[in-house]
PDB file of N, CA and C in Angstrom:
ATOM      1  N   MET A   1       0.686  -0.999  -0.146  1.00  0.00           N
ATOM      2  CA  MET A   1       0.131  -0.062  -0.182  1.00  0.00           C
ATOM      3  C   MET A   1       0.596   1.493   0.308  1.00  0.00           C
ATOM      4  N   ALA A   2       1.914   1.136   0.809  1.00  0.00           N
ATOM      5  CA  ALA A   2       2.816   2.814   1.206  1.00  0.00           C
ATOM      6  C   ALA A   2       3.289   2.747  -0.668  1.00  0.00           C
ATOM      7  N   ASP A   3       3.841   1.689  -1.350  1.00  0.00           N
ATOM      8  CA  ASP A   3       4.042   2.004  -2.741  1.00  0.00           C
ATOM      9  C   ASP A   3       2.906   2.377  -3.435  1.00  0.00           C
ATOM     10  N   LYS A   4       2.007   2.309  -3.498  1.00  0.00           N
ATOM     11  CA  LYS A   4       1.003   3.073  -4.467  1.00  0.00           C
ATOM     12  C   LYS A   4       0.611   4.174  -3.841  1.00  0.00           C
ATOM     13  N   THR A   5       0.243   4.516  -2.562  1.00  0.00           N
ATOM     14  CA  THR A   5      -0.551   5.703  -2.144  1.00  0.00           C
ATOM     15  C   THR A   5       0.598   6.771  -1.377  1.00  0.00           C
ATOM     16  N   GLY A   6       1.851   6.155  -1.095  1.00  0.00           N
ATOM     17  CA  GLY A   6       2.796   7.094  -0.553  1.00  0.00           C
ATOM     18  C   GLY A   6       2.362   7.157   1.091  1.00  0.00           C
ATOM     19  N   THR A   7       1.580   6.189   1.624  1.00  0.00           N
ATOM     20  CA  THR A   7       1.430   6.372   2.912  1.00  0.00           C
ATOM     21  C   THR A   7       0.845   4.810   3.151  1.00  0.00           C
ATOM     22  N   LEU A   8       1.117   4.966   4.961  1.00  0.00           N
ATOM     23  CA  LEU A   8       0.182   3.641   5.347  1.00  0.00           C
ATOM     24  C   LEU A   8      -1.071   3.361   5.567  1.00  0.00           C
ATOM     25  N   TRP A   9      -1.847   2.425   5.233  1.00  0.00           N
ATOM     26  CA  TRP A   9      -2.804   2.478   5.673  1.00  0.00           C
ATOM     27  C   TRP A   9      -3.450   0.861   5.572  1.00  0.00           C
ATOM     28  N   GLU A  10      -4.328   0.454   6.461  1.00  0.00           N
ATOM     29  CA  GLU A  10      -4.944  -0.539   6.830  1.00  0.00           C
ATOM     30  C   GLU A  10      -5.813  -1.418   5.448  1.00  0.00           C
ATOM     31  N   ASN A  11      -6.364  -0.978   4.565  1.00  0.00           N
ATOM     32  CA  ASN A  11      -6.907  -1.405   3.373  1.00  0.00           C
ATOM     33  C   ASN A  11      -5.986  -1.866   2.706  1.00  0.00           C
ATOM     34  N   ILE A  12      -6.165  -2.715   1.535  1.00  0.00           N
ATOM     35  CA  ILE A  12      -5.859  -3.600   0.828  1.00  0.00           C
ATOM     36  C   ILE A  12      -5.919  -3.001  -0.557  1.00  0.00           C
ATOM     37  N   HIS A  13      -6.695  -1.886  -0.669  1.00  0.00           N
ATOM     38  CA  HIS A  13      -6.825  -1.147  -1.933  1.00  0.00           C
ATOM     39  C   HIS A  13      -6.830   0.284  -1.945  1.00  0.00           C
ATOM     40  N   THR A  14      -6.517   1.150  -3.189  1.00  0.00           N
ATOM     41  CA  THR A  14      -6.515   2.302  -2.695  1.00  0.00           C
ATOM     42  C   THR A  14      -7.522   3.425  -2.957  1.00  0.00           C
ATOM     43  N   ARG A  15      -9.072   2.654  -2.758  1.00  0.00           N
ATOM     44  CA  ARG A  15     -10.184   3.300  -2.755  1.00  0.00           C
ATOM     45  C   ARG A  15     -10.595   4.507  -1.312  1.00  0.00           C
ATOM     46  N   ALA A  16      -9.805   3.608  -0.661  1.00  0.00           N
ATOM     47  CA  ALA A  16     -10.293   3.977   0.987  1.00  0.00           C
ATOM     48  C   ALA A  16      -9.945   5.730   1.258  1.00  0.00           C
ATOM     49  N   SER A  17     -10.358   6.110   1.935  1.00  0.00           N
ATOM     50  CA  SER A  17      -9.984   7.569   2.461  1.00  0.00           C
ATOM     51  C   SER A  17      -8.362   7.366   3.003  1.00  0.00           C
ATOM     52  N   LEU A  18      -7.504   8.574   2.261  1.00  0.00           N
ATOM     53  CA  LEU A  18      -6.117   8.316   3.126  1.00  0.00           C
ATOM     54  C   LEU A  18      -6.001   9.406   3.996  1.00  0.00           C
ATOM     55  N   ASN A  19      -6.687   9.831   4.655  1.00  0.00           N
ATOM     56  CA  ASN A  19      -7.089  10.476   5.689  1.00  0.00           C
ATOM     57  C   ASN A  19      -6.670  10.201   7.028  1.00  0.00           C
ATOM     58  N   HIS A  20      -5.263   9.433   7.091  1.00  0.00           N
ATOM     59  CA  HIS A  20      -5.275   8.709   8.447  1.00  0.00           C
ATOM     60  C   HIS A  20      -4.510   9.563   9.527  1.00  0.00           C
ATOM     61  N   GLY A  21      -4.898   9.387  10.942  1.00  0.00           N
ATOM     62  CA  GLY A  21      -4.164   9.959  11.905  1.00  0.00           C
ATOM     63  C   GLY A  21      -2.762   9.574  12.147  1.00  0.00           C
ATOM     64  N   PHE A  22      -2.477   8.655  11.737  1.00  0.00           N
ATOM     65  CA  PHE A  22      -1.142   8.003  12.251  1.00  0.00           C
ATOM     66  C   PHE A  22      -0.243   8.697  12.108  1.00  0.00           C
ATOM     67  N   ALA A  23       0.536   9.741  11.302  1.00  0.00           N
ATOM     68  CA  ALA A  23       1.271  10.704  11.039  1.00  0.00           C
ATOM     69  C   ALA A  23       0.761  12.141  11.964  1.00  0.00           C
ATOM     70  N   SER A  24      -0.529  12.180  12.065  1.00  0.00           N
ATOM     71  CA  SER A  24      -0.475  13.454  12.744  1.00  0.00           C
ATOM     72  C   SER A  24       0.067  13.633  14.052  1.00  0.00           C
ATOM     73  N   HIS A  25       0.360  12.113  14.699  1.00  0.00           N
ATOM     74  CA  HIS A  25       0.493  12.052  16.113  1.00  0.00           C
ATOM     75  C   HIS A  25       1.888  13.105  16.636  1.00  0.00           C
ATOM     76  N   MET A  26       2.635  13.057  15.440  1.00  0.00           N
ATOM     77  CA  MET A  26       4.288  13.576  15.617  1.00  0.00           C
ATOM     78  C   MET A  26       3.388  15.319  15.816  1.00  0.00           C
ATOM     79  N   ALA A  27       2.890  15.742  15.377  1.00  0.00           N
ATOM     80  CA  ALA A  27       2.767  17.005  15.411  1.00  0.00           C
ATOM     81  C   ALA A  27       2.133  17.420  16.636  1.00  0.00           C
ATOM     82  N   HIS A  28       1.064  16.549  17.259  1.00  0.00           N
ATOM     83  CA  HIS A  28       0.243  16.562  18.513  1.00  0.00           C
ATOM     84  C   HIS A  28       1.684  16.747  19.537  1.00  0.00           C
ATOM     85  N   LEU A  29       2.737  15.962  19.284  1.00  0.00           N
ATOM     86  CA  LEU A  29       3.616  15.968  19.939  1.00  0.00           C
ATOM     87  C   LEU A  29       4.730  17.324  20.206  1.00  0.00           C
ATOM     88  N   PHE A  30       4.989  17.796  18.868  1.00  0.00           N
ATOM     89  CA  PHE A  30       5.454  19.108  18.981  1.00  0.00           C
ATOM     90  C   PHE A  30       4.673  20.032  19.556  1.00  0.00           C
ATOM     91  N   TYR A  31       3.446  20.116  19.488  1.00  0.00           N
ATOM     92  CA  TYR A  31       2.717  21.013  20.311  1.00  0.00           C
ATOM     93  C   TYR A  31       2.645  21.107  21.641  1.00  0.00           C
ATOM     94  N   ARG A  32       2.692  19.791  22.000  1.00  0.00           N
ATOM     95  CA  ARG A  32       2.540  19.430  23.401  1.00  0.00           C
ATOM     96  C   ARG A  32       3.753  19.792  23.979  1.00  0.00           C
ATOM     97  N   ASP A  33       4.457  19.018  23.868  1.00  0.00           N
ATOM     98  CA  ASP A  33       6.086  18.321  24.537  1.00  0.00           C
ATOM     99  C   ASP A  33       7.304  19.510  23.967  1.00  0.00           C
ATOM    100  N   LEU A  34       6.592  20.402  22.756  1.00  0.00           N
ATOM    101  CA  LEU A  34       8.030  21.476  22.671  1.00  0.00           C
ATOM    102  C   LEU A  34       7.345  22.968  22.722  1.00  0.00           C
ATOM    103  N   LEU A  35       6.439  22.993  22.124  1.00  0.00           N
ATOM    104  CA  LEU A  35       5.645  24.295  22.509  1.00  0.00           C
ATOM    105  C   LEU A  35       5.015  24.721  23.886  1.00  0.00           C
ATOM    106  N   GLY A  36       4.407  23.808  24.188  1.00  0.00           N
ATOM    107  CA  GLY A  36       4.261  23.799  25.647  1.00  0.00           C
ATOM    108  C   GLY A  36       2.304  23.699  25.607  1.00  0.00           C
ATOM    109  N   VAL A  37       1.721  23.729  24.627  1.00  0.00           N
ATOM    110  CA  VAL A  37       0.283  23.832  24.589  1.00  0.00           C
ATOM    111  C   VAL A  37      -0.166  22.151  25.111  1.00  0.00           C
ATOM    112  N   LYS A  38      -0.431  22.294  26.287  1.00  0.00           N
ATOM    113  CA  LYS A  38      -0.857  21.039  26.714  1.00  0.00           C
ATOM    114  C   LYS A  38      -2.439  20.017  26.411  1.00  0.00           C
ATOM    115  N   SER A  39      -3.432  21.225  26.240  1.00  0.00           N
ATOM    116  CA  SER A  39      -4.114  20.754  25.858  1.00  0.00           C
ATOM    117  C   SER A  39      -5.326  22.188  25.484  1.00  0.00           C
ATOM    118  N   TYR A  40      -6.334  22.380  24.885  1.00  0.00           N
ATOM    119  CA  TYR A  40      -7.353  23.206  24.716  1.00  0.00           C
ATOM    120  C   TYR A  40      -8.962  22.924  24.372  1.00  0.00           C
ATOM    121  N   SER A  41     -10.015  23.721  24.768  1.00  0.00           N
ATOM    122  CA  SER A  41     -10.955  23.403  24.475  1.00  0.00           C
ATOM    123  C   SER A  41     -11.705  24.339  23.751  1.00  0.00           C
ATOM    124  N   LEU A  42     -12.370  24.161  22.777  1.00  0.00           N
ATOM    125  CA  LEU A  42     -13.249  25.273  22.123  1.00  0.00           C
ATOM    126  C   LEU A  42     -14.122  25.730  22.796  1.00  0.00           C
ATOM    127  N   GLN A  43     -14.993  24.822  23.529  1.00  0.00           N
ATOM    128  CA  GLN A  43     -16.503  24.831  24.085  1.00  0.00           C
ATOM    129  C   GLN A  43     -16.251  25.625  25.335  1.00  0.00           C
ATOM    130  N   LYS A  44     -15.274  25.393  26.094  1.00  0.00           N
ATOM    131  CA  LYS A  44     -15.052  25.894  27.517  1.00  0.00           C
ATOM    132  C   LYS A  44     -13.904  27.064  27.026  1.00  0.00           C
ATOM    133  N   LYS A  45     -13.649  27.284  25.680  1.00  0.00           N
ATOM    134  CA  LYS A  45     -12.593  28.329  26.024  1.00  0.00           C
ATOM    135  C   LYS A  45     -11.397  28.548  26.631  1.00  0.00           C
ATOM    136  N   GLN A  46     -10.823  27.486  26.858  1.00  0.00           N
ATOM    137  CA  GLN A  46      -9.794  27.219  27.955  1.00  0.00           C
ATOM    138  C   GLN A  46      -8.657  26.742  26.823  1.00  0.00           C
ATOM    139  N   ILE A  47      -6.931  27.272  27.354  1.00  0.00           N
ATOM    140  CA  ILE A  47      -5.949  26.895  26.708  1.00  0.00           C
ATOM    141  C   ILE A  47      -4.918  26.560  28.023  1.00  0.00           C
ATOM    142  N   PHE A  48      -4.600  25.440  28.346  1.00  0.00           N
ATOM    143  CA  PHE A  48      -3.427  25.135  28.946  1.00  0.00           C
ATOM    144  C   PHE A  48      -2.211  24.833  28.788  1.00  0.00           C
ATOM    145  N   ILE A  49      -1.250  25.472  29.099  1.00  0.00           N
ATOM    146  CA  ILE A  49       0.200  25.839  28.588  1.00  0.00           C
ATOM    147  C   ILE A  49       1.148  25.377  29.812  1.00  0.00           C
ATOM    148  N   GLU A  50       1.807  24.022  29.446  1.00  0.00           N
ATOM    149  CA  GLU A  50       2.869  23.919  30.503  1.00  0.00           C
ATOM    150  C   GLU A  50       3.863  23.597  29.983  1.00  0.00           C
ATOM    151  N   PHE A  51       5.047  24.190  30.790  1.00  0.00           N
ATOM    152  CA  PHE A  51       6.391  24.333  29.885  1.00  0.00           C
ATOM    153  C   PHE A  51       7.167  23.082  31.052  1.00  0.00           C
ATOM    154  N   TYR A  52       8.373  22.648  30.095  1.00  0.00           N
ATOM    155  CA  TYR A  52       9.182  21.291  30.609  1.00  0.00           C
ATOM    156  C   TYR A  52      10.522  22.014  30.170  1.00  0.00           C
ATOM    157  N   ASP A  53      11.701  21.650  30.971  1.00  0.00           N
ATOM    158  CA  ASP A  53      13.268  21.617  30.453  1.00  0.00           C
ATOM    159  C   ASP A  53      13.051  20.986  28.724  1.00  0.00           C
ATOM    160  N   THR A  54      13.631  21.696  27.869  1.00  0.00           N
ATOM    161  CA  THR A  54      13.937  21.170  26.388  1.00  0.00           C
ATOM    162  C   THR A  54      15.386  21.714  26.211  1.00  0.00           C
ATOM    163  N   ASP A  55      15.850  20.938  25.286  1.00  0.00           N
ATOM    164  CA  ASP A  55      17.332  21.212  24.835  1.00  0.00           C
ATOM    165  C   ASP A  55      17.362  22.443  23.578  1.00  0.00           C
ATOM    166  N   ILE A  56      15.766  22.827  23.466  1.00  0.00           N
ATOM    167  CA  ILE A  56      16.034  24.082  22.468  1.00  0.00           C
ATOM    168  C   ILE A  56      15.703  25.050  23.067  1.00  0.00           C
ATOM    169  N   GLU A  57      16.258  26.518  22.266  1.00  0.00           N
ATOM    170  CA  GLU A  57      16.397  27.942  23.011  1.00  0.00           C
ATOM    171  C   GLU A  57      15.387  28.679  23.117  1.00  0.00           C
ATOM    172  N   SER A  58      14.088  28.214  21.619  1.00  0.00           N
ATOM    173  CA  SER A  58      13.186  28.884  21.359  1.00  0.00           C
ATOM    174  C   SER A  58      12.104  27.931  20.665  1.00  0.00           C
ATOM    175  N   CYS A  59      10.668  28.637  20.979  1.00  0.00           N
ATOM    176  CA  CYS A  59       9.641  28.091  19.790  1.00  0.00           C
ATOM    177  C   CYS A  59       8.986  28.755  19.805  1.00  0.00           C
ATOM    178  N   SER A  60       8.140  28.664  18.716  1.00  0.00           N
ATOM    179  CA  SER A  60       7.144  29.414  18.602  1.00  0.00           C
ATOM    180  C   SER A  60       5.758  28.725  17.534  1.00  0.00           C
ATOM    181  N   GLY A  61       4.560  28.991  17.571  1.00  0.00           N
ATOM    182  CA  GLY A  61       3.551  28.035  17.013  1.00  0.00           C
ATOM    183  C   GLY A  61       2.278  28.581  17.429  1.00  0.00           C
ATOM    184  N   ASN A  62       1.476  28.166  16.192  1.00  0.00           N
ATOM    185  CA  ASN A  62      -0.182  28.952  16.383  1.00  0.00           C
ATOM    186  C   ASN A  62      -1.009  27.790  16.268  1.00  0.00           C
ATOM    187  N   ILE A  63      -2.051  27.833  16.988  1.00  0.00           N
ATOM    188  CA  ILE A  63      -3.196  26.691  16.660  1.00  0.00           C
ATOM    189  C   ILE A  63      -4.322  27.252  16.444  1.00  0.00           C
ATOM    190  N   LEU A  64      -5.018  26.838  15.509  1.00  0.00           N
ATOM    191  CA  LEU A  64      -6.359  27.348  15.047  1.00  0.00           C
ATOM    192  C   LEU A  64      -7.354  26.642  15.761  1.00  0.00           C
ATOM    193  N   LEU A  65      -8.376  27.805  16.291  1.00  0.00           N
ATOM    194  CA  LEU A  65      -9.268  27.443  17.309  1.00  0.00           C
ATOM    195  C   LEU A  65     -10.579  28.333  16.557  1.00  0.00           C
ATOM    196  N   GLY A  66     -11.392  27.202  15.731  1.00  0.00           N
ATOM    197  CA  GLY A  66     -12.529  27.251  14.593  1.00  0.00           C
ATOM    198  C   GLY A  66     -11.741  28.547  13.545  1.00  0.00           C
ATOM    199  N   ASP A  67     -12.384  29.892  13.600  1.00  0.00           N
ATOM    200  CA  ASP A  67     -12.006  30.798  13.139  1.00  0.00           C
ATOM    201  C   ASP A  67     -11.176  31.670  13.534  1.00  0.00           C
ATOM    202  N   GLU A  68     -10.380  31.477  14.783  1.00  0.00           N
ATOM    203  CA  GLU A  68      -9.655  32.229  15.485  1.00  0.00           C
ATOM    204  C   GLU A  68      -8.378  31.260  15.563  1.00  0.00           C
ATOM    205  N   GLN A  69      -7.311  32.066  16.169  1.00  0.00           N
ATOM    206  CA  GLN A  69      -6.123  31.390  16.218  1.00  0.00           C
ATOM    207  C   GLN A  69      -5.763  31.998  17.425  1.00  0.00           C
ATOM    208  N   PHE A  70      -4.688  30.959  18.552  1.00  0.00           N
ATOM    209  CA  PHE A  70      -3.780  31.063  19.499  1.00  0.00           C
ATOM    210  C   PHE A  70      -2.699  31.165  19.170  1.00  0.00           C
ATOM    211  N   TYR A  71      -1.413  32.097  19.336  1.00  0.00           N
ATOM    212  CA  TYR A  71      -0.320  31.964  19.235  1.00  0.00           C
ATOM    213  C   TYR A  71       0.896  32.242  20.682  1.00  0.00           C
ATOM    214  N   LEU A  72       1.714  31.430  20.198  1.00  0.00           N
ATOM    215  CA  LEU A  72       2.742  31.543  21.408  1.00  0.00           C
ATOM    216  C   LEU A  72       4.111  31.289  21.309  1.00  0.00           C
ATOM    217  N   HIS A  73       4.882  32.041  21.895  1.00  0.00           N
ATOM    218  CA  HIS A  73       6.419  32.347  21.746  1.00  0.00           C
ATOM    219  C   HIS A  73       6.723  31.992  22.823  1.00  0.00           C
ATOM    220  N   TRP A  74       7.792  31.459  23.383  1.00  0.00           N
ATOM    221  CA  TRP A  74       8.625  31.351  23.987  1.00  0.00           C
ATOM    222  C   TRP A  74      10.602  31.492  23.925  1.00  0.00           C
ATOM    223  N   LYS A  75      11.123  31.903  24.857  1.00  0.00           N
ATOM    224  CA  LYS A  75      12.809  31.647  24.391  1.00  0.00           C
ATOM    225  C   LYS A  75      13.321  31.708  25.788  1.00  0.00           C
ATOM    226  N   LYS A  76      14.720  30.872  25.932  1.00  0.00           N
ATOM    227  CA  LYS A  76      15.239  31.198  26.957  1.00  0.00           C
ATOM    228  C   LYS A  76      16.204  32.115  26.932  1.00  0.00           C
ATOM    229  N   GLY A  77      16.387  32.640  28.276  1.00  0.00           N
ATOM    230  CA  GLY A  77      17.591  33.808  28.425  1.00  0.00           C
ATOM    231  C   GLY A  77      17.814  34.048  29.811  1.00  0.00           C
ATOM    232  N   GLY A  78      19.102  33.578  29.798  1.00  0.00           N
ATOM    233  CA  GLY A  78      19.762  32.679  31.240  1.00  0.00           C
ATOM    234  C   GLY A  78      19.078  32.041  31.801  1.00  0.00           C
ATOM    235  N   ASP A  79      18.314  32.726  33.429  1.00  0.00           N
ATOM    236  CA  ASP A  79      17.822  31.642  34.047  1.00  0.00           C
ATOM    237  C   ASP A  79      16.387  31.798  33.936  1.00  0.00           C
ATOM    238  N   LEU A  80      15.971  32.490  32.701  1.00  0.00           N
ATOM    239  CA  LEU A  80      14.426  32.644  32.538  1.00  0.00           C
ATOM    240  C   LEU A  80      13.976  32.312  31.164  1.00  0.00           C
ATOM    241  N   LEU A  81      12.740  31.775  31.273  1.00  0.00           N
ATOM    242  CA  LEU A  81      12.353  31.588  30.633  1.00  0.00           C
ATOM    243  C   LEU A  81      10.979  32.562  29.920  1.00  0.00           C
ATOM    244  N   LEU A  82      11.350  33.489  29.232  1.00  0.00           N
ATOM    245  CA  LEU A  82      10.292  34.339  28.486  1.00  0.00           C
ATOM    246  C   LEU A  82       9.592  33.872  27.394  1.00  0.00           C
ATOM    247  N   TYR A  83       8.190  34.354  27.894  1.00  0.00           N
ATOM    248  CA  TYR A  83       7.017  33.963  27.179  1.00  0.00           C
ATOM    249  C   TYR A  83       6.066  35.054  26.585  1.00  0.00           C
ATOM    250  N   SER A  84       5.356  34.782  25.523  1.00  0.00           N
ATOM    251  CA  SER A  84       4.188  35.643  24.985  1.00  0.00           C
ATOM    252  C   SER A  84       3.358  35.173  24.326  1.00  0.00           C
ATOM    253  N   TYR A  85       1.871  35.438  24.343  1.00  0.00           N
ATOM    254  CA  TYR A  85       0.713  34.753  23.563  1.00  0.00           C
ATOM    255  C   TYR A  85      -0.031  35.628  23.247  1.00  0.00           C
ATOM    256  N   THR A  86      -0.625  35.753  22.281  1.00  0.00           N
ATOM    257  CA  THR A  86      -1.866  36.321  21.888  1.00  0.00           C
ATOM    258  C   THR A  86      -3.301  34.823  21.870  1.00  0.00           C
ATOM    259  N   ALA A  87      -4.205  35.124  22.323  1.00  0.00           N
ATOM    260  CA  ALA A  87      -5.423  34.494  22.131  1.00  0.00           C
ATOM    261  C   ALA A  87      -6.932  35.345  21.986  1.00  0.00           C
ATOM    262  N   PRO A  88      -7.650  34.425  21.676  1.00  0.00           N
ATOM    263  CA  PRO A  88      -8.767  35.212  20.827  1.00  0.00           C
ATOM    264  C   PRO A  88      -9.740  35.511  22.031  1.00  0.00           C
ATOM    265  N   PRO A  89     -10.538  36.666  22.058  1.00  0.00           N
ATOM    266  CA  PRO A  89     -11.045  37.043  23.221  1.00  0.00           C
ATOM    267  C   PRO A  89     -11.969  36.054  23.979  1.00  0.00           C
ATOM    268  N   GLY A  90     -12.006  36.065  25.235  1.00  0.00           N
ATOM    269  CA  GLY A  90     -13.078  35.339  26.099  1.00  0.00           C
ATOM    270  C   GLY A  90     -12.287  33.858  26.445  1.00  0.00           C
ATOM    271  N   TYR A  91     -11.094  33.664  25.970  1.00  0.00           N
ATOM    272  CA  TYR A  91     -10.187  32.603  26.347  1.00  0.00           C
ATOM    273  C   TYR A  91      -9.424  32.595  27.708  1.00  0.00           C
ATOM    274  N   GLN A  92      -9.317  31.580  28.346  1.00  0.00           N
ATOM    275  CA  GLN A  92      -8.865  31.693  29.752  1.00  0.00           C
ATOM    276  C   GLN A  92      -7.563  30.790  29.414  1.00  0.00           C
ATOM    277  N   ILE A  93      -6.286  31.608  30.081  1.00  0.00           N
ATOM    278  CA  ILE A  93      -5.225  30.713  29.592  1.00  0.00           C
ATOM    279  C   ILE A  93      -4.431  30.484  30.873  1.00  0.00           C
ATOM    280  N   GLN A  94      -4.164  29.180  31.028  1.00  0.00           N
ATOM    281  CA  GLN A  94      -3.635  28.429  32.219  1.00  0.00           C
ATOM    282  C   GLN A  94      -2.233  27.918  32.155  1.00  0.00           C
ATOM    283  N   ILE A  95      -1.484  28.773  32.845  1.00  0.00           N
ATOM    284  CA  ILE A  95      -0.027  28.356  32.923  1.00  0.00           C
ATOM    285  C   ILE A  95       0.892  27.568  33.837  1.00  0.00           C
ATOM    286  N   GLN A  96       1.497  26.436  33.811  1.00  0.00           N
ATOM    287  CA  GLN A  96       2.240  25.841  34.879  1.00  0.00           C
ATOM    288  C   GLN A  96       3.376  25.649  34.125  1.00  0.00           C
ATOM    289  N   ASN A  97       4.666  25.809  35.313  1.00  0.00           N
ATOM    290  CA  ASN A  97       6.043  25.999  34.778  1.00  0.00           C
ATOM    291  C   ASN A  97       6.102  24.839  35.754  1.00  0.00           C
ATOM    292  N   ASN A  98       6.803  23.536  34.882  1.00  0.00           N
ATOM    293  CA  ASN A  98       7.613  22.333  34.769  1.00  0.00           C
ATOM    294  C   ASN A  98       8.932  22.507  34.743  1.00  0.00           C
ATOM    295  N   SER A  99       9.629  23.631  34.614  1.00  0.00           N
ATOM    296  CA  SER A  99      10.936  23.793  33.776  1.00  0.00           C
ATOM    297  C   SER A  99      11.670  24.389  35.180  1.00  0.00           C
ATOM    298  N   SER A 100      13.047  24.228  35.026  1.00  0.00           N
ATOM    299  CA  SER A 100      13.902  24.651  35.827  1.00  0.00           C
ATOM    300  C   SER A 100      14.080  26.189  35.700  1.00  0.00           C
ATOM    301  N   LEU A 101      13.486  26.513  34.982  1.00  0.00           N
ATOM    302  CA  LEU A 101      13.650  28.313  34.708  1.00  0.00           C
ATOM    303  C   LEU A 101      12.696  29.113  35.638  1.00  0.00           C
ATOM    304  N   THR A 102      12.986  30.227  35.469  1.00  0.00           N
ATOM    305  CA  THR A 102      11.772  31.234  36.203  1.00  0.00           C
ATOM    306  C   THR A 102      10.982  31.668  34.899  1.00  0.00           C
ATOM    307  N   LEU A 103       9.802  31.478  35.037  1.00  0.00           N
ATOM    308  CA  LEU A 103       8.931  32.008  34.169  1.00  0.00           C
ATOM    309  C   LEU A 103       8.400  33.471  34.106  1.00  0.00           C
ATOM    310  N   GLN A 104       8.387  34.102  33.007  1.00  0.00           N
ATOM    311  CA  GLN A 104       8.509  35.311  32.812  1.00  0.00           C
ATOM    312  C   GLN A 104       7.714  36.052  31.660  1.00  0.00           C
ATOM    313  N   LYS A 105       6.468  36.652  31.530  1.00  0.00           N
ATOM    314  CA  LYS A 105       5.921  37.208  30.682  1.00  0.00           C
ATOM    315  C   LYS A 105       6.731  38.513  29.867  1.00  0.00           C
ATOM    316  N   ASP A 106       6.717  38.511  28.548  1.00  0.00           N
ATOM    317  CA  ASP A 106       7.348  39.380  27.758  1.00  0.00           C
ATOM    318  C   ASP A 106       6.778  39.577  26.615  1.00  0.00           C
ATOM    319  N   ASP A 107       5.887  40.385  26.649  1.00  0.00           N
ATOM    320  CA  ASP A 107       4.802  40.772  25.481  1.00  0.00           C
ATOM    321  C   ASP A 107       5.953  41.500  24.385  1.00  0.00           C
ATOM    322  N   GLY A 108       7.133  42.104  24.701  1.00  0.00           N
ATOM    323  CA  GLY A 108       8.127  42.192  23.389  1.00  0.00           C
ATOM    324  C   GLY A 108       8.444  41.046  22.551  1.00  0.00           C
ATOM    325  N   LEU A 109       8.310  40.060  22.888  1.00  0.00           N
ATOM    326  CA  LEU A 109       8.741  38.862  22.477  1.00  0.00           C
ATOM    327  C   LEU A 109       7.746  38.597  21.050  1.00  0.00           C
ATOM    328  N   LEU A 110       6.427  39.146  21.079  1.00  0.00           N
ATOM    329  CA  LEU A 110       5.505  38.967  19.918  1.00  0.00           C
ATOM    330  C   LEU A 110       6.270  39.600  18.653  1.00  0.00           C
ATOM    331  N   SER A 111       6.412  41.109  18.766  1.00  0.00           N
ATOM    332  CA  SER A 111       6.752  41.815  17.776  1.00  0.00           C
ATOM    333  C   SER A 111       8.471  41.217  17.257  1.00  0.00           C
ATOM    334  N   GLU A 112       8.998  40.898  18.297  1.00  0.00           N
ATOM    335  CA  GLU A 112      10.447  40.171  18.061  1.00  0.00           C
ATOM    336  C   GLU A 112      10.287  39.052  17.175  1.00  0.00           C
ATOM    337  N   ALA A 113       9.478  37.927  17.650  1.00  0.00           N
ATOM    338  CA  ALA A 113       9.019  36.783  16.554  1.00  0.00           C
ATOM    339  C   ALA A 113       8.379  37.014  15.208  1.00  0.00           C
ATOM    340  N   ASN A 114       7.349  37.807  15.152  1.00  0.00           N
ATOM    341  CA  ASN A 114       7.075  38.620  13.646  1.00  0.00           C
ATOM    342  C   ASN A 114       8.470  39.195  12.856  1.00  0.00           C
ATOM    343  N   ARG A 115       9.452  40.074  13.432  1.00  0.00           N
ATOM    344  CA  ARG A 115      10.068  40.353  12.798  1.00  0.00           C
ATOM    345  C   ARG A 115      11.205  39.135  12.264  1.00  0.00           C
ATOM    346  N   ALA A 116      11.083  37.950  12.785  1.00  0.00           N
ATOM    347  CA  ALA A 116      11.986  36.964  12.542  1.00  0.00           C
ATOM    348  C   ALA A 116      11.549  36.185  11.555  1.00  0.00           C
ATOM    349  N   GLU A 117       9.954  36.053  11.401  1.00  0.00           N
ATOM    350  CA  GLU A 117       9.531  35.457  10.281  1.00  0.00           C
ATOM    351  C   GLU A 117       9.231  35.977   8.849  1.00  0.00           C
TER     352      GLU A 117
END
């Protein structure tokens, strides 16, 4: 099947849907374990962020929330973990710091991240 369709699939023919979630698991891990977005709820308008120690120096990403989006950017600076985000109106953001760094919000990071893109 992989030779015919370029993907892994449980079926023996190419007529089945090839929209399989197997490969999307890595994207979920990147958002959760590197960016820090542990979970979110569109219905409750909640976003849970959890920071851990990683070997990377900075990370940024956005998550689509219906027609809106959540954007998070963080970077290490000495013994600080500097972060900033933009969220749609009405969303509650809960942050837990499980890293060895001191967490500090820095809204200037958003403009810095935008200049880098």
